[in-house]
Amino acid sequence: RCRWRGGAARPLPGRPGEPRGGLALRGALDTAGDSFTAMELGAGYGPWLSRAGVGWRRLRPGAPLRLIGVEGEPTHFAWLRQHLSENGLAGQGVELHEAAVAPVAGRLEFSVAEDPAHDWGTRPHAGAATGGRRTRSVVALALGDLLAGERWVDLLHLDIQGGELAVLTAASRELSRVGRLCIGTHGRDLEGGLLALLPPLGFRLEAEEPCSYRCPTDRPLLTRDGTQYWINRQRL
């Protein structure tokens, strides 16, 4: 079990969908070959990178390990570095980017958390539509470019607060390099879009936790994000 108490010297809260993420990670570790590669985009403090790295080191001490993390919020990125370091996962084979993930590479505005220990909803913003949040300009990385540099990715965890479908669609040609996908979902439209996109690309939906809503007024309110766990059935 990986350990960390965070930048504020207290445990940070868990995130929705962890049971599905656990299924994906266990499956990836069980079926990995002589090396293991995990990628966490919208990594926050890197819970899945750390779990993947610690798990692989225990299963296969000394075997090659590669961890790629991308996080655009500055405090969360600092915690990502700290978290991996405290679990002995810094150095060779670890690649961390203080950046956003987008359909195409470039630069964009990314929100800054006012209370980083509790605000995990930071995201890119188009133009001046910031929702009143403070933002900063960051590098945007394309998923297709990240995957093109890897022979094989055992586990890809993607949670970027609503941009998942657009990012995966733009990278669809490179998804054949991924064994397992664990995707955060943030609305019924996103869930439906993934259900349409991924099966023709060779992926099978293994498990899901749909989003939850309530209707306090005449407009539904999203109360809990969901998770989808997909397996590359053509390669596994």
Protein backbone atom coordinates (compact mmCIF):
# COMPACT_ATOMS: atom_id res chain seq x y z
CA ARG A 1 0.00 0.00 0.00
CA CYS A 2 1.53 3.32 -0.96
CA ARG A 3 1.91 5.94 1.71
CA TRP A 4 1.60 9.72 1.75
CA ARG A 5 0.18 12.41 4.00
CA GLY A 6 0.25 15.22 1.50
CA GLY A 7 1.44 18.79 1.42
CA ALA A 8 -0.80 19.78 4.33
CA ALA A 9 0.47 16.90 6.54
CA ARG A 10 -2.88 15.15 6.50
CA PRO A 11 -4.43 12.42 4.32
CA LEU A 12 -6.04 13.71 1.17
CA PRO A 13 -9.55 12.51 0.28
CA GLY A 14 -10.12 9.60 -2.05
CA ARG A 15 -11.59 10.10 -5.49
CA PRO A 16 -14.74 8.62 -7.07
CA GLY A 17 -14.39 5.40 -9.01
CA GLU A 18 -11.56 3.89 -6.99
CA PRO A 19 -13.05 0.35 -7.04
CA ARG A 20 -13.01 0.41 -10.88
CA GLY A 21 -9.54 1.85 -10.87
CA GLY A 22 -8.45 -0.96 -8.57
CA LEU A 23 -9.87 -3.56 -10.95
CA ALA A 24 -8.01 -1.96 -13.85
CA LEU A 25 -4.73 -1.80 -11.95
CA ARG A 26 -4.91 -5.38 -10.71
CA GLY A 27 -5.68 -6.62 -14.20
CA ALA A 28 -2.82 -4.62 -15.68
CA LEU A 29 -0.33 -5.93 -13.12
CA ASP A 30 -1.52 -9.52 -13.56
CA THR A 31 -1.12 -9.52 -17.35
CA ALA A 32 2.02 -7.39 -17.72
CA GLY A 33 5.03 -8.84 -19.45
CA ASP A 34 8.65 -8.19 -18.51
CA SER A 35 8.06 -4.46 -17.98
CA PHE A 36 5.23 -2.21 -16.82
CA THR A 37 4.07 1.21 -18.03
CA ALA A 38 1.33 3.32 -16.44
CA MET A 39 0.10 6.73 -17.53
CA GLU A 40 -2.08 9.01 -15.37
CA LEU A 41 -3.47 12.14 -17.04
CA GLY A 42 -5.13 14.68 -14.81
CA ALA A 43 -3.00 12.97 -12.21
CA GLY A 44 -3.67 15.16 -9.19
CA TYR A 45 -1.26 13.85 -6.55
CA GLY A 46 -0.72 10.64 -8.52
CA PRO A 47 -2.67 7.98 -6.60
CA TRP A 48 -2.74 5.53 -9.49
CA LEU A 49 0.85 6.08 -10.55
CA SER A 50 1.98 5.42 -7.00
CA ARG A 51 -0.18 2.34 -6.59
CA ALA A 52 1.02 1.01 -9.96
CA GLY A 53 4.66 1.66 -9.18
CA VAL A 54 4.59 0.20 -5.67
CA GLY A 55 2.60 -2.82 -6.87
CA TRP A 56 4.99 -3.55 -9.74
CA ARG A 57 8.09 -3.17 -7.58
CA ARG A 58 6.65 -5.70 -5.13
CA LEU A 59 5.66 -8.16 -7.84
CA ARG A 60 8.77 -7.81 -10.00
CA PRO A 61 11.66 -6.23 -8.08
CA GLY A 62 14.20 -4.82 -10.52
CA ALA A 63 12.00 -5.22 -13.63
CA PRO A 64 11.67 -2.15 -15.88
CA LEU A 65 9.03 0.36 -14.75
CA ARG A 66 7.82 3.47 -16.54
CA LEU A 67 5.42 6.03 -15.03
CA ILE A 68 4.08 9.04 -16.97
CA GLY A 69 2.02 11.69 -15.18
CA VAL A 70 0.45 14.94 -16.41
CA GLU A 71 -1.10 17.54 -14.09
CA GLY A 72 -1.77 21.22 -14.81
CA GLU A 73 -2.64 22.59 -11.35
CA PRO A 74 0.61 23.85 -9.75
CA THR A 75 0.06 22.74 -6.15
CA HIS A 76 -1.26 19.35 -7.22
CA PHE A 77 1.78 18.95 -9.48
CA ALA A 78 4.11 19.67 -6.55
CA TRP A 79 2.23 17.05 -4.52
CA LEU A 80 2.53 14.61 -7.43
CA ARG A 81 6.32 14.92 -7.34
CA GLN A 82 6.35 14.60 -3.55
CA HIS A 83 4.01 11.61 -3.50
CA LEU A 84 6.06 9.60 -5.99
CA SER A 85 9.32 10.53 -4.27
CA GLU A 86 8.05 9.45 -0.84
CA ASN A 87 7.15 6.08 -2.33
CA GLY A 88 10.59 5.59 -3.87
CA LEU A 89 9.33 6.25 -7.40
CA ALA A 90 11.44 9.21 -8.49
CA GLY A 91 14.25 9.14 -11.04
CA GLN A 92 14.79 6.97 -14.09
CA GLY A 93 11.63 5.80 -15.82
CA VAL A 94 9.43 8.48 -14.22
CA GLU A 95 8.25 11.28 -16.52
CA LEU A 96 6.13 14.07 -15.03
CA HIS A 97 4.69 17.03 -16.96
CA GLU A 98 3.26 20.18 -15.39
CA ALA A 99 0.78 20.58 -18.24
CA ALA A 100 -2.77 20.00 -19.42
CA VAL A 101 -4.03 17.30 -21.77
CA ALA A 102 -5.94 18.42 -24.86
CA PRO A 103 -6.94 17.06 -28.28
CA VAL A 104 -4.05 18.99 -29.89
CA ALA A 105 -0.78 20.26 -28.48
CA GLY A 106 -0.28 23.94 -27.77
CA ARG A 107 -1.08 26.23 -24.85
CA LEU A 108 -4.30 26.94 -22.98
CA GLU A 109 -5.69 28.55 -19.83
CA PHE A 110 -5.92 26.21 -16.85
CA SER A 111 -7.71 26.92 -13.58
CA VAL A 112 -5.80 27.27 -10.31
CA ALA A 113 -7.28 25.66 -7.18
CA GLU A 114 -8.22 28.08 -4.41
CA ASP A 115 -8.16 25.22 -1.87
CA PRO A 116 -5.91 22.55 -3.41
CA ALA A 117 -6.56 19.92 -0.71
CA HIS A 118 -10.28 19.84 -1.56
CA ASP A 119 -10.60 21.25 -5.09
CA TRP A 120 -9.95 18.49 -7.61
CA GLY A 121 -12.08 20.00 -10.39
CA THR A 122 -9.48 22.18 -12.07
CA ARG A 123 -9.59 22.03 -15.85
CA PRO A 124 -8.73 23.82 -19.10
CA HIS A 125 -10.83 26.83 -20.09
CA ALA A 126 -11.64 28.05 -23.59
CA GLY A 127 -11.06 31.75 -24.18
CA ALA A 128 -12.45 34.00 -21.47
CA ALA A 129 -14.92 31.39 -20.12
CA THR A 130 -13.21 30.77 -16.78
CA GLY A 131 -16.29 30.59 -14.55
CA GLY A 132 -14.77 33.18 -12.25
CA ARG A 133 -11.73 31.00 -11.49
CA ARG A 134 -8.16 32.26 -11.47
CA THR A 135 -6.26 30.73 -14.39
CA ARG A 136 -2.76 30.54 -15.80
CA SER A 137 -1.33 29.66 -19.19
CA VAL A 138 0.10 26.13 -19.40
CA VAL A 139 1.49 23.79 -22.03
CA ALA A 140 -1.12 21.45 -23.54
CA LEU A 141 -0.02 17.94 -24.48
CA ALA A 142 -1.90 15.71 -26.94
CA LEU A 143 -2.59 12.15 -25.84
CA GLY A 144 -1.71 10.87 -29.30
CA ASP A 145 1.77 12.36 -28.99
CA LEU A 146 2.27 10.86 -25.52
CA LEU A 147 1.22 7.40 -26.72
CA ALA A 148 3.28 7.59 -29.91
CA GLY A 149 6.41 7.62 -27.77
CA GLU A 150 5.49 4.35 -26.01
CA ARG A 151 5.63 0.80 -27.32
CA TRP A 152 2.89 -0.33 -24.93
CA VAL A 153 0.96 1.21 -22.01
CA ASP A 154 -0.42 -1.36 -19.58
CA LEU A 155 -2.73 1.11 -17.81
CA LEU A 156 -3.97 4.56 -18.86
CA HIS A 157 -5.94 6.48 -16.22
CA LEU A 158 -7.66 9.60 -17.65
CA ASP A 159 -9.61 12.09 -15.55
CA ILE A 160 -9.53 15.61 -16.97
CA GLN A 161 -12.92 16.97 -15.88
CA GLY A 162 -14.96 16.66 -19.05
CA GLY A 163 -12.43 16.62 -21.89
CA GLU A 164 -11.97 12.85 -21.98
CA LEU A 165 -14.06 12.10 -25.07
CA ALA A 166 -12.45 14.79 -27.21
CA VAL A 167 -8.94 13.75 -26.13
CA LEU A 168 -9.56 10.04 -26.77
CA THR A 169 -11.23 10.74 -30.13
CA ALA A 170 -8.24 12.76 -31.30
CA ALA A 171 -5.89 9.97 -30.18
CA SER A 172 -7.97 7.07 -31.51
CA ARG A 173 -5.24 5.80 -33.87
CA GLU A 174 -2.79 5.42 -30.99
CA LEU A 175 -5.14 3.71 -28.53
CA SER A 176 -4.12 0.29 -29.87
CA ARG A 177 -0.98 0.77 -27.73
CA VAL A 178 -3.06 0.74 -24.52
CA GLY A 179 -4.08 -2.42 -22.65
CA ARG A 180 -6.51 -0.99 -20.11
CA LEU A 181 -8.33 2.33 -19.87
CA CYS A 182 -9.81 3.77 -16.68
CA ILE A 183 -11.75 6.95 -17.53
CA GLY A 184 -13.40 9.49 -15.26
CA THR A 185 -16.82 10.55 -16.56
CA HIS A 186 -18.63 13.79 -15.85
CA GLY A 187 -22.04 13.49 -17.51
CA ARG A 188 -24.37 11.21 -19.45
CA ASP A 189 -23.26 12.72 -22.77
CA LEU A 190 -19.66 11.80 -22.05
CA GLU A 191 -20.59 8.27 -20.97
CA GLY A 192 -22.63 7.75 -24.14
CA GLY A 193 -19.87 9.14 -26.33
CA LEU A 194 -17.33 6.71 -24.88
CA LEU A 195 -19.76 3.81 -25.39
CA ALA A 196 -19.95 4.79 -29.07
CA LEU A 197 -16.23 5.49 -29.55
CA LEU A 198 -14.36 2.66 -27.89
CA PRO A 199 -15.96 -0.66 -28.99
CA PRO A 200 -15.17 -0.10 -32.71
CA LEU A 201 -11.57 0.55 -31.66
CA GLY A 202 -11.36 -2.90 -30.08
CA PHE A 203 -12.18 -2.09 -26.45
CA ARG A 204 -14.66 -3.93 -24.22
CA LEU A 205 -16.40 -2.24 -21.30
CA GLU A 206 -15.44 -4.33 -18.28
CA ALA A 207 -17.05 -2.32 -15.46
CA GLU A 208 -18.58 1.09 -14.86
CA GLU A 209 -19.95 3.37 -12.18
CA PRO A 210 -22.33 5.82 -13.90
CA CYS A 211 -22.62 9.45 -12.90
CA SER A 212 -25.25 10.33 -10.31
CA TYR A 213 -27.72 13.22 -10.44
CA ARG A 214 -30.43 14.78 -8.32
CA CYS A 215 -33.07 17.33 -9.24
CA PRO A 216 -33.40 20.00 -6.53
CA THR A 217 -35.05 22.34 -9.07
CA ASP A 218 -36.13 21.93 -12.66
CA ARG A 219 -32.55 21.22 -13.78
CA PRO A 220 -30.63 18.00 -12.96
CA LEU A 221 -27.53 18.54 -10.83
CA LEU A 222 -24.50 16.25 -11.18
CA THR A 223 -23.67 15.02 -7.68
CA ARG A 224 -21.05 12.31 -8.38
CA ASP A 225 -18.70 11.66 -11.26
CA GLY A 226 -18.51 8.19 -12.73
CA THR A 227 -15.85 5.81 -14.02
CA GLN A 228 -15.58 3.44 -16.98
CA TYR A 229 -13.04 0.61 -17.14
CA TRP A 230 -12.22 -0.71 -20.63
CA ILE A 231 -10.02 -3.60 -21.84
CA ASN A 232 -8.28 -3.79 -25.22
CA ARG A 233 -9.84 -7.10 -26.30
CA GLN A 234 -7.70 -7.28 -29.46
CA ARG A 235 -4.44 -7.32 -27.52
CA LEU A 236 -5.35 -8.99 -24.20
